Structures are given as C-alpha cells and as structure tokens.
Amino acid sequence: MKIKNKLILAGLLIASCNQLVLAEVTDVIEKSYDFDKGGTISLSNVNGNVTISACDCSQVQLTANISASDQQTRDRITVKIKASDSQLSIKTKYAKQQRGSHDRNNHSEVVYTLSVPNSVNLNEIELVNGDLKISGVTGQFNAELVNGELISDGMTSSTDVSMVNGDMELSFDNLNNAKKIKLNSVNGDIVVNLPSDANVKVSAETVSGKISNDFGLQINRGRYVGSDMSGTIGDGSVRLSMENVNGKIKLKNL
C-alpha cells in the first residue's frame, strides 16, 4: 500500500510539473494612431495570423496578442513599430537564442488584428507562418506568404500576392475599384470569384495543376504538363494574371 501511495504521489508530482512546463505566457499590446486615409502600412510576422479590416475612420487600431511557451521565449519577442501620419511599419523581431538554450518544445506566436482607414495602402505584408484576412480595404495590396491561407474580399484597387504553401481565395462583388490583379502560388489553389458582369482580361498558367472557369474561356492543356488559359470577359478593363506551380486555378462566377 505504501508503494502504491508513493507511485500515486509521484504521478501527481509529474503531472503538476508538466502543467507548469506547458503553462503559456500571454501578453497583449494595444496601440492607436491618427492616420492619413491614403497612408501606407507594412507588416512583417513570423508566426501568427493577421486580420486587417477597414472602417470609415482616420485612425489605426492595432492589437498584438503574444503567446509563448515560457517567459524566456516571450522575452525574445519584440514588436517594433514605426509610426507617422502617413507611414506605419510593424515588425515582429526575435532575439537570438543563447548557445545551448535550444528547446524544440518552445513555441510562440504573435496574432495581429488591425482596424484601418478604408483607403490605406497595404504594402509589404509579409508572413512566414500564418493566415491573412483582408476586408474593406480599397487601396493597394501587396503581400508575400510562405505558409498560410489568404482570404480577401477583393476591394483593393491593385492586388499583388505571392504564396509558397497555402490556398488563396479572393471574392470580388464588383470590380469598380480594381485596376490589376496578380496572383502567384507554388503549392496551393488559387480561387478568384468574379461577378457575372466582370470586365477582365485574363491570363492563367499552371505547371501541374488544373484550370477551370465559369466564363467559357478556352483552356489549353499541355501535351505533357501544365495548362494555360487566356481571354477577355466584358471589355477587359481589369488585368487578371494567375500563375501556379502545384495547385489548381479556379475562376468562378459569384
């Protein structure tokens, strides 16, 4: 009985220690800035999702939710912000670990939520591991993603997105504000939803993925690999370019 009690006590101690090890450190940074409606915002993040939504306002509201496996890991993270009336730069920085302190169980992320004036320009939105959601922004949009998903409501005036691993979906209720759309992917599907009255000049190309569309555009399939598609919908006033290596391209009618 004594041995059994000791084993139970040891088990409880181990469970308690594991809970201490797994206890996560969290922190929240909240900032607000008066901002020009035509200003430019850039953001760079390593681990964590980013959500940017627009409002009829003249201020940027920024929230950064930081979580880390322990305080030492949290202390390595710095959110660097440079702000003026027309420029806002946000970067997640990680201090180098001391030699011999590597721990595979360490993890951290910074999740950003931004409310911005609707006509700002989103320039150099760069994510390594994380999803990106954009809604209501009518300015320019430029982004590079390594691992993640992109969802956009397609309100931006020009769109230039490059992605390595992950799907992207852009939905355009209308193209009144759009000028050009350029989408590139390596591994993942590209889905573009257009209204039935869209005016778009389309070019699309894949290496190993399939292409489909709801607008009757001709699709040419390569003899060995790849497919391509080109054509004009309406008067073709908006240029839409899509390139994919390993993934599908879908042009859909809303």
C-alpha atoms as a PDB file:
ATOM      1  CA  MET A   1       0.000   0.000   0.000  1.00  0.00           C
ATOM      2  CA  LYS A   2       2.867   2.354   0.848  1.00  0.00           C
ATOM      3  CA  ILE A   3       4.458   1.664  -2.538  1.00  0.00           C
ATOM      4  CA  LYS A   4       1.147   2.331  -4.291  1.00  0.00           C
ATOM      5  CA  ASN A   5       0.727   5.630  -2.448  1.00  0.00           C
ATOM      6  CA  LYS A   6       4.239   6.681  -3.372  1.00  0.00           C
ATOM      7  CA  LEU A   7       3.570   5.873  -7.031  1.00  0.00           C
ATOM      8  CA  ILE A   8       0.343   7.911  -6.954  1.00  0.00           C
ATOM      9  CA  LEU A   9       2.168  10.827  -5.315  1.00  0.00           C
ATOM     10  CA  ALA A  10       4.962  10.624  -7.878  1.00  0.00           C
ATOM     11  CA  GLY A  11       2.408  10.609 -10.683  1.00  0.00           C
ATOM     12  CA  LEU A  12       0.702  13.691  -9.268  1.00  0.00           C
ATOM     13  CA  LEU A  13       4.032  15.492  -8.992  1.00  0.00           C
ATOM     14  CA  ILE A  14       4.926  14.639 -12.588  1.00  0.00           C
ATOM     15  CA  ALA A  15       1.516  15.834 -13.822  1.00  0.00           C
ATOM     16  CA  SER A  16       1.915  19.036 -11.842  1.00  0.00           C
ATOM     17  CA  CYS A  17       5.381  19.642 -13.287  1.00  0.00           C
ATOM     18  CA  ASN A  18       4.100  19.008 -16.800  1.00  0.00           C
ATOM     19  CA  GLN A  19       1.373  21.584 -16.290  1.00  0.00           C
ATOM     20  CA  LEU A  20       3.976  24.089 -15.143  1.00  0.00           C
ATOM     21  CA  VAL A  21       6.131  23.368 -18.183  1.00  0.00           C
ATOM     22  CA  LEU A  22       3.173  23.715 -20.523  1.00  0.00           C
ATOM     23  CA  ALA A  23       1.850  26.898 -18.901  1.00  0.00           C
ATOM     24  CA  GLU A  24       1.758  29.542 -21.604  1.00  0.00           C
ATOM     25  CA  VAL A  25       2.807  33.148 -21.194  1.00  0.00           C
ATOM     26  CA  THR A  26       0.485  35.659 -22.845  1.00  0.00           C
ATOM     27  CA  ASP A  27       0.735  39.370 -23.447  1.00  0.00           C
ATOM     28  CA  VAL A  28      -1.321  41.980 -25.297  1.00  0.00           C
ATOM     29  CA  ILE A  29      -0.121  45.169 -26.984  1.00  0.00           C
ATOM     30  CA  GLU A  30      -2.747  47.725 -27.969  1.00  0.00           C
ATOM     31  CA  LYS A  31      -1.966  50.903 -29.894  1.00  0.00           C
ATOM     32  CA  SER A  32      -3.898  53.546 -31.795  1.00  0.00           C
ATOM     33  CA  TYR A  33      -2.582  56.095 -34.279  1.00  0.00           C
ATOM     34  CA  ASP A  34      -4.115  59.010 -36.120  1.00  0.00           C
ATOM     35  CA  PHE A  35      -3.546  58.122 -39.754  1.00  0.00           C
ATOM     36  CA  ASP A  36      -3.993  59.557 -43.229  1.00  0.00           C
ATOM     37  CA  LYS A  37      -6.648  57.765 -45.242  1.00  0.00           C
ATOM     38  CA  GLY A  38      -4.202  57.300 -48.121  1.00  0.00           C
ATOM     39  CA  GLY A  39      -1.285  56.261 -45.909  1.00  0.00           C
ATOM     40  CA  THR A  40       0.823  53.117 -46.261  1.00  0.00           C
ATOM     41  CA  ILE A  41       1.009  50.188 -43.850  1.00  0.00           C
ATOM     42  CA  SER A  42       3.620  47.415 -43.877  1.00  0.00           C
ATOM     43  CA  LEU A  43       3.693  44.393 -41.597  1.00  0.00           C
ATOM     44  CA  SER A  44       6.102  41.505 -41.128  1.00  0.00           C
ATOM     45  CA  ASN A  45       5.333  38.495 -38.934  1.00  0.00           C
ATOM     46  CA  VAL A  46       6.970  35.118 -38.342  1.00  0.00           C
ATOM     47  CA  ASN A  47       4.329  33.023 -36.563  1.00  0.00           C
ATOM     48  CA  GLY A  48       0.691  34.051 -36.236  1.00  0.00           C
ATOM     49  CA  ASN A  49      -2.383  35.116 -38.161  1.00  0.00           C
ATOM     50  CA  VAL A  50      -3.071  38.661 -39.341  1.00  0.00           C
ATOM     51  CA  THR A  51      -6.534  40.183 -39.798  1.00  0.00           C
ATOM     52  CA  ILE A  52      -6.921  43.617 -41.364  1.00  0.00           C
ATOM     53  CA  SER A  53     -10.357  45.202 -41.657  1.00  0.00           C
ATOM     54  CA  ALA A  54     -11.296  48.686 -42.842  1.00  0.00           C
ATOM     55  CA  CYS A  55     -13.537  51.329 -41.347  1.00  0.00           C
ATOM     56  CA  ASP A  56     -14.707  54.799 -42.330  1.00  0.00           C
ATOM     57  CA  CYS A  57     -12.265  56.391 -39.916  1.00  0.00           C
ATOM     58  CA  SER A  58      -8.968  58.258 -39.689  1.00  0.00           C
ATOM     59  CA  GLN A  59      -7.241  56.080 -37.136  1.00  0.00           C
ATOM     60  CA  VAL A  60      -5.415  52.755 -36.987  1.00  0.00           C
ATOM     61  CA  GLN A  61      -6.279  50.455 -34.093  1.00  0.00           C
ATOM     62  CA  LEU A  62      -3.629  47.781 -33.551  1.00  0.00           C
ATOM     63  CA  THR A  63      -3.795  44.755 -31.270  1.00  0.00           C
ATOM     64  CA  ALA A  64      -0.952  42.250 -30.975  1.00  0.00           C
ATOM     65  CA  ASN A  65      -1.726  39.116 -28.974  1.00  0.00           C
ATOM     66  CA  ILE A  66       1.527  37.448 -27.988  1.00  0.00           C
ATOM     67  CA  SER A  67       1.742  33.911 -26.652  1.00  0.00           C
ATOM     68  CA  ALA A  68       4.833  31.895 -25.792  1.00  0.00           C
ATOM     69  CA  SER A  69       5.636  28.579 -24.161  1.00  0.00           C
ATOM     70  CA  ASP A  70       7.563  30.286 -21.345  1.00  0.00           C
ATOM     71  CA  GLN A  71       8.778  33.664 -20.168  1.00  0.00           C
ATOM     72  CA  GLN A  72      12.239  33.224 -21.670  1.00  0.00           C
ATOM     73  CA  THR A  73      10.703  32.636 -25.083  1.00  0.00           C
ATOM     74  CA  ARG A  74       8.374  35.606 -24.608  1.00  0.00           C
ATOM     75  CA  ASP A  75      11.312  37.855 -23.753  1.00  0.00           C
ATOM     76  CA  ARG A  76      12.873  37.115 -27.135  1.00  0.00           C
ATOM     77  CA  ILE A  77       9.908  38.705 -28.950  1.00  0.00           C
ATOM     78  CA  THR A  78       9.774  42.393 -29.755  1.00  0.00           C
ATOM     79  CA  VAL A  79       7.049  44.149 -31.732  1.00  0.00           C
ATOM     80  CA  LYS A  80       8.799  47.050 -33.438  1.00  0.00           C
ATOM     81  CA  ILE A  81       6.534  49.879 -34.583  1.00  0.00           C
ATOM     82  CA  LYS A  82       7.444  52.987 -36.544  1.00  0.00           C
ATOM     83  CA  ALA A  83       4.539  55.365 -36.977  1.00  0.00           C
ATOM     84  CA  SER A  84       3.844  58.703 -38.599  1.00  0.00           C
ATOM     85  CA  ASP A  85       0.703  60.286 -40.020  1.00  0.00           C
ATOM     86  CA  SER A  86       1.188  58.539 -43.365  1.00  0.00           C
ATOM     87  CA  GLN A  87       3.512  55.571 -42.693  1.00  0.00           C
ATOM     88  CA  LEU A  88       3.083  52.657 -40.301  1.00  0.00           C
ATOM     89  CA  SER A  89       5.616  49.825 -40.097  1.00  0.00           C
ATOM     90  CA  ILE A  90       5.041  46.804 -37.836  1.00  0.00           C
ATOM     91  CA  LYS A  91       7.646  44.053 -37.468  1.00  0.00           C
ATOM     92  CA  THR A  92       7.910  41.011 -35.232  1.00  0.00           C
ATOM     93  CA  LYS A  93      11.511  40.530 -34.154  1.00  0.00           C
ATOM     94  CA  TYR A  94      13.086  37.567 -32.356  1.00  0.00           C
ATOM     95  CA  ALA A  95      16.300  37.913 -30.383  1.00  0.00           C
ATOM     96  CA  LYS A  96      18.834  35.167 -30.987  1.00  0.00           C
ATOM     97  CA  GLN A  97      18.832  32.317 -28.512  1.00  0.00           C
ATOM     98  CA  GLN A  98      21.861  31.862 -26.359  1.00  0.00           C
ATOM     99  CA  ARG A  99      24.094  28.968 -27.298  1.00  0.00           C
ATOM    100  CA  GLY A 100      22.928  25.741 -25.714  1.00  0.00           C
ATOM    101  CA  SER A 101      19.450  27.039 -24.886  1.00  0.00           C
ATOM    102  CA  HIS A 102      17.606  25.471 -27.822  1.00  0.00           C
ATOM    103  CA  ASP A 103      14.417  23.633 -26.881  1.00  0.00           C
ATOM    104  CA  ARG A 104      12.225  22.035 -29.515  1.00  0.00           C
ATOM    105  CA  ASN A 105       9.208  22.387 -27.238  1.00  0.00           C
ATOM    106  CA  ASN A 106       9.478  26.175 -27.229  1.00  0.00           C
ATOM    107  CA  HIS A 107       6.839  27.881 -29.319  1.00  0.00           C
ATOM    108  CA  SER A 108       5.453  31.360 -29.756  1.00  0.00           C
ATOM    109  CA  GLU A 109       3.186  33.417 -31.977  1.00  0.00           C
ATOM    110  CA  VAL A 110       2.009  36.972 -32.437  1.00  0.00           C
ATOM    111  CA  VAL A 111      -1.548  37.390 -33.727  1.00  0.00           C
ATOM    112  CA  TYR A 112      -2.254  40.816 -35.186  1.00  0.00           C
ATOM    113  CA  THR A 113      -5.639  42.486 -35.573  1.00  0.00           C
ATOM    114  CA  LEU A 114      -5.800  45.865 -37.303  1.00  0.00           C
ATOM    115  CA  SER A 115      -8.647  48.253 -37.957  1.00  0.00           C
ATOM    116  CA  VAL A 116      -7.563  50.762 -40.607  1.00  0.00           C
ATOM    117  CA  PRO A 117      -8.968  53.614 -42.726  1.00  0.00           C
ATOM    118  CA  ASN A 118     -10.573  52.024 -45.772  1.00  0.00           C
ATOM    119  CA  SER A 119      -8.371  53.680 -48.413  1.00  0.00           C
ATOM    120  CA  VAL A 120      -4.957  52.829 -46.922  1.00  0.00           C
ATOM    121  CA  ASN A 121      -2.316  51.006 -48.955  1.00  0.00           C
ATOM    122  CA  LEU A 122      -1.116  47.658 -47.640  1.00  0.00           C
ATOM    123  CA  ASN A 123       2.484  47.415 -48.782  1.00  0.00           C
ATOM    124  CA  GLU A 124       4.838  44.532 -47.992  1.00  0.00           C
ATOM    125  CA  ILE A 125       2.572  42.394 -45.838  1.00  0.00           C
ATOM    126  CA  GLU A 126       4.974  39.511 -45.206  1.00  0.00           C
ATOM    127  CA  LEU A 127       4.043  36.371 -43.246  1.00  0.00           C
ATOM    128  CA  VAL A 128       6.081  33.217 -42.719  1.00  0.00           C
ATOM    129  CA  ASN A 129       3.602  31.020 -40.833  1.00  0.00           C
ATOM    130  CA  GLY A 130       0.092  32.396 -40.586  1.00  0.00           C
ATOM    131  CA  ASP A 131      -3.171  33.204 -42.346  1.00  0.00           C
ATOM    132  CA  LEU A 132      -4.025  36.610 -43.745  1.00  0.00           C
ATOM    133  CA  LYS A 133      -7.556  38.031 -43.954  1.00  0.00           C
ATOM    134  CA  ILE A 134      -8.301  41.355 -45.644  1.00  0.00           C
ATOM    135  CA  SER A 135     -11.688  43.081 -45.758  1.00  0.00           C
ATOM    136  CA  GLY A 136     -12.898  46.511 -46.815  1.00  0.00           C
ATOM    137  CA  VAL A 137      -9.521  47.949 -47.838  1.00  0.00           C
ATOM    138  CA  THR A 138      -9.739  49.885 -51.119  1.00  0.00           C
ATOM    139  CA  GLY A 139      -6.102  50.918 -51.537  1.00  0.00           C
ATOM    140  CA  GLN A 140      -3.221  48.898 -52.970  1.00  0.00           C
ATOM    141  CA  PHE A 141      -2.464  45.430 -51.590  1.00  0.00           C
ATOM    142  CA  ASN A 142       0.909  43.701 -51.813  1.00  0.00           C
ATOM    143  CA  ALA A 143       1.676  40.530 -49.851  1.00  0.00           C
ATOM    144  CA  GLU A 144       4.097  37.616 -49.628  1.00  0.00           C
ATOM    145  CA  LEU A 145       3.164  34.483 -47.649  1.00  0.00           C
ATOM    146  CA  VAL A 146       5.181  31.325 -47.060  1.00  0.00           C
ATOM    147  CA  ASN A 147       2.835  29.018 -45.129  1.00  0.00           C
ATOM    148  CA  GLY A 148      -0.763  30.072 -44.678  1.00  0.00           C
ATOM    149  CA  GLU A 149      -4.058  30.970 -46.264  1.00  0.00           C
ATOM    150  CA  LEU A 150      -5.226  34.207 -47.825  1.00  0.00           C
ATOM    151  CA  ILE A 151      -8.841  35.358 -47.825  1.00  0.00           C
ATOM    152  CA  SER A 152      -9.715  38.748 -49.317  1.00  0.00           C
ATOM    153  CA  ASP A 153     -12.996  40.427 -50.209  1.00  0.00           C
ATOM    154  CA  GLY A 154     -11.335  41.914 -53.300  1.00  0.00           C
ATOM    155  CA  MET A 155     -11.988  45.566 -52.542  1.00  0.00           C
ATOM    156  CA  THR A 156      -8.369  46.628 -53.137  1.00  0.00           C
ATOM    157  CA  SER A 157      -7.504  48.775 -56.165  1.00  0.00           C
ATOM    158  CA  SER A 158      -4.484  46.676 -57.152  1.00  0.00           C
ATOM    159  CA  THR A 159      -3.537  43.277 -55.803  1.00  0.00           C
ATOM    160  CA  ASP A 160      -0.157  41.535 -55.975  1.00  0.00           C
ATOM    161  CA  VAL A 161       0.184  38.337 -53.937  1.00  0.00           C
ATOM    162  CA  SER A 162       2.877  35.644 -53.915  1.00  0.00           C
ATOM    163  CA  MET A 163       2.422  32.471 -51.872  1.00  0.00           C
ATOM    164  CA  VAL A 164       4.533  29.344 -51.359  1.00  0.00           C
ATOM    165  CA  ASN A 165       2.329  26.912 -49.415  1.00  0.00           C
ATOM    166  CA  GLY A 166      -1.369  27.547 -48.958  1.00  0.00           C
ATOM    167  CA  ASP A 167      -4.617  28.397 -50.687  1.00  0.00           C
ATOM    168  CA  MET A 168      -5.797  31.861 -51.614  1.00  0.00           C
ATOM    169  CA  GLU A 169      -9.347  32.977 -52.304  1.00  0.00           C
ATOM    170  CA  LEU A 170     -10.376  36.432 -53.458  1.00  0.00           C
ATOM    171  CA  SER A 171     -14.010  37.397 -53.920  1.00  0.00           C
ATOM    172  CA  PHE A 172     -14.926  40.483 -55.922  1.00  0.00           C
ATOM    173  CA  ASP A 173     -18.519  41.638 -55.526  1.00  0.00           C
ATOM    174  CA  ASN A 174     -17.641  44.204 -58.165  1.00  0.00           C
ATOM    175  CA  LEU A 175     -14.552  45.452 -59.948  1.00  0.00           C
ATOM    176  CA  ASN A 176     -15.350  49.166 -59.856  1.00  0.00           C
ATOM    177  CA  ASN A 177     -12.238  49.888 -57.805  1.00  0.00           C
ATOM    178  CA  ALA A 178      -9.912  47.273 -59.290  1.00  0.00           C
ATOM    179  CA  LYS A 179      -7.114  48.012 -61.755  1.00  0.00           C
ATOM    180  CA  LYS A 180      -4.904  44.933 -61.823  1.00  0.00           C
ATOM    181  CA  ILE A 181      -4.741  41.612 -60.002  1.00  0.00           C
ATOM    182  CA  LYS A 182      -1.594  39.474 -59.971  1.00  0.00           C
ATOM    183  CA  LEU A 183      -1.560  36.155 -58.102  1.00  0.00           C
ATOM    184  CA  ASN A 184       1.324  33.660 -57.882  1.00  0.00           C
ATOM    185  CA  SER A 185       1.464  30.370 -55.986  1.00  0.00           C
ATOM    186  CA  VAL A 186       3.759  27.343 -55.681  1.00  0.00           C
ATOM    187  CA  ASN A 187       1.745  24.835 -53.637  1.00  0.00           C
ATOM    188  CA  GLY A 188      -1.923  25.601 -53.128  1.00  0.00           C
ATOM    189  CA  ASP A 189      -5.061  26.546 -55.030  1.00  0.00           C
ATOM    190  CA  ILE A 190      -5.898  29.969 -56.411  1.00  0.00           C
ATOM    191  CA  VAL A 191      -9.618  30.745 -56.365  1.00  0.00           C
ATOM    192  CA  VAL A 192     -10.989  34.006 -57.761  1.00  0.00           C
ATOM    193  CA  ASN A 193     -14.706  34.776 -57.557  1.00  0.00           C
ATOM    194  CA  LEU A 194     -15.984  37.377 -60.033  1.00  0.00           C
ATOM    195  CA  PRO A 195     -19.403  38.932 -60.658  1.00  0.00           C
ATOM    196  CA  SER A 196     -21.236  37.932 -63.834  1.00  0.00           C
ATOM    197  CA  ASP A 197     -20.765  41.428 -65.302  1.00  0.00           C
ATOM    198  CA  ALA A 198     -16.984  41.461 -64.756  1.00  0.00           C
ATOM    199  CA  ASN A 199     -14.745  43.277 -67.241  1.00  0.00           C
ATOM    200  CA  VAL A 200     -11.484  41.355 -67.076  1.00  0.00           C
ATOM    201  CA  LYS A 201      -8.598  40.398 -69.340  1.00  0.00           C
ATOM    202  CA  VAL A 202      -7.480  37.010 -68.035  1.00  0.00           C
ATOM    203  CA  SER A 203      -4.205  35.106 -68.281  1.00  0.00           C
ATOM    204  CA  ALA A 204      -3.586  31.944 -66.258  1.00  0.00           C
ATOM    205  CA  GLU A 205      -0.912  29.270 -66.290  1.00  0.00           C
ATOM    206  CA  THR A 206      -0.083  26.157 -64.246  1.00  0.00           C
ATOM    207  CA  VAL A 207       2.749  23.631 -64.320  1.00  0.00           C
ATOM    208  CA  SER A 208       0.959  20.602 -62.863  1.00  0.00           C
ATOM    209  CA  GLY A 209      -2.395  21.879 -61.642  1.00  0.00           C
ATOM    210  CA  LYS A 210      -5.751  22.062 -63.379  1.00  0.00           C
ATOM    211  CA  ILE A 211      -7.507  25.215 -64.560  1.00  0.00           C
ATOM    212  CA  SER A 212     -11.277  25.741 -64.605  1.00  0.00           C
ATOM    213  CA  ASN A 213     -13.586  28.686 -65.167  1.00  0.00           C
ATOM    214  CA  ASP A 214     -17.295  29.554 -65.253  1.00  0.00           C
ATOM    215  CA  PHE A 215     -16.992  32.135 -68.042  1.00  0.00           C
ATOM    216  CA  GLY A 216     -16.474  29.939 -71.084  1.00  0.00           C
ATOM    217  CA  LEU A 217     -12.805  30.829 -71.572  1.00  0.00           C
ATOM    218  CA  GLN A 218     -10.765  28.319 -73.550  1.00  0.00           C
ATOM    219  CA  ILE A 219      -8.324  26.182 -71.577  1.00  0.00           C
ATOM    220  CA  ASN A 220      -5.282  24.708 -73.310  1.00  0.00           C
ATOM    221  CA  ARG A 221      -3.760  21.631 -71.772  1.00  0.00           C
ATOM    222  CA  GLY A 222      -0.075  20.922 -72.321  1.00  0.00           C
ATOM    223  CA  ARG A 223       0.971  17.760 -74.089  1.00  0.00           C
ATOM    224  CA  TYR A 224       2.882  16.547 -71.050  1.00  0.00           C
ATOM    225  CA  VAL A 225       2.412  19.036 -68.217  1.00  0.00           C
ATOM    226  CA  GLY A 226       0.669  22.262 -67.460  1.00  0.00           C
ATOM    227  CA  SER A 227      -2.315  24.206 -68.666  1.00  0.00           C
ATOM    228  CA  ASP A 228      -2.985  27.770 -69.667  1.00  0.00           C
ATOM    229  CA  MET A 229      -5.989  29.991 -70.184  1.00  0.00           C
ATOM    230  CA  SER A 230      -6.440  33.433 -71.654  1.00  0.00           C
ATOM    231  CA  GLY A 231      -9.328  35.526 -72.816  1.00  0.00           C
ATOM    232  CA  THR A 232     -11.459  38.577 -72.222  1.00  0.00           C
ATOM    233  CA  ILE A 233     -14.604  38.911 -70.147  1.00  0.00           C
ATOM    234  CA  GLY A 234     -16.616  42.047 -70.902  1.00  0.00           C
ATOM    235  CA  ASP A 235     -14.435  44.926 -72.052  1.00  0.00           C
ATOM    236  CA  GLY A 236     -11.311  43.569 -70.337  1.00  0.00           C
ATOM    237  CA  SER A 237     -10.544  46.791 -68.471  1.00  0.00           C
ATOM    238  CA  VAL A 238      -9.056  44.964 -65.444  1.00  0.00           C
ATOM    239  CA  ARG A 239      -5.996  42.752 -65.903  1.00  0.00           C
ATOM    240  CA  LEU A 240      -6.073  39.448 -64.008  1.00  0.00           C
ATOM    241  CA  SER A 241      -2.894  37.334 -64.047  1.00  0.00           C
ATOM    242  CA  MET A 242      -2.612  33.989 -62.240  1.00  0.00           C
ATOM    243  CA  GLU A 243       0.339  31.598 -62.145  1.00  0.00           C
ATOM    244  CA  ASN A 244       0.579  28.364 -60.190  1.00  0.00           C
ATOM    245  CA  VAL A 245       3.080  25.501 -59.993  1.00  0.00           C
ATOM    246  CA  ASN A 246       1.452  22.709 -57.974  1.00  0.00           C
ATOM    247  CA  GLY A 247      -2.154  23.685 -57.477  1.00  0.00           C
ATOM    248  CA  LYS A 248      -5.410  24.485 -59.202  1.00  0.00           C
ATOM    249  CA  ILE A 249      -6.632  27.763 -60.628  1.00  0.00           C
ATOM    250  CA  LYS A 250     -10.366  28.336 -60.405  1.00  0.00           C
ATOM    251  CA  LEU A 251     -12.137  31.336 -61.903  1.00  0.00           C
ATOM    252  CA  LYS A 252     -15.668  31.256 -60.539  1.00  0.00           C
ATOM    253  CA  ASN A 253     -18.861  33.222 -61.090  1.00  0.00           C
ATOM    254  CA  LEU A 254     -20.336  34.593 -57.874  1.00  0.00           C
END
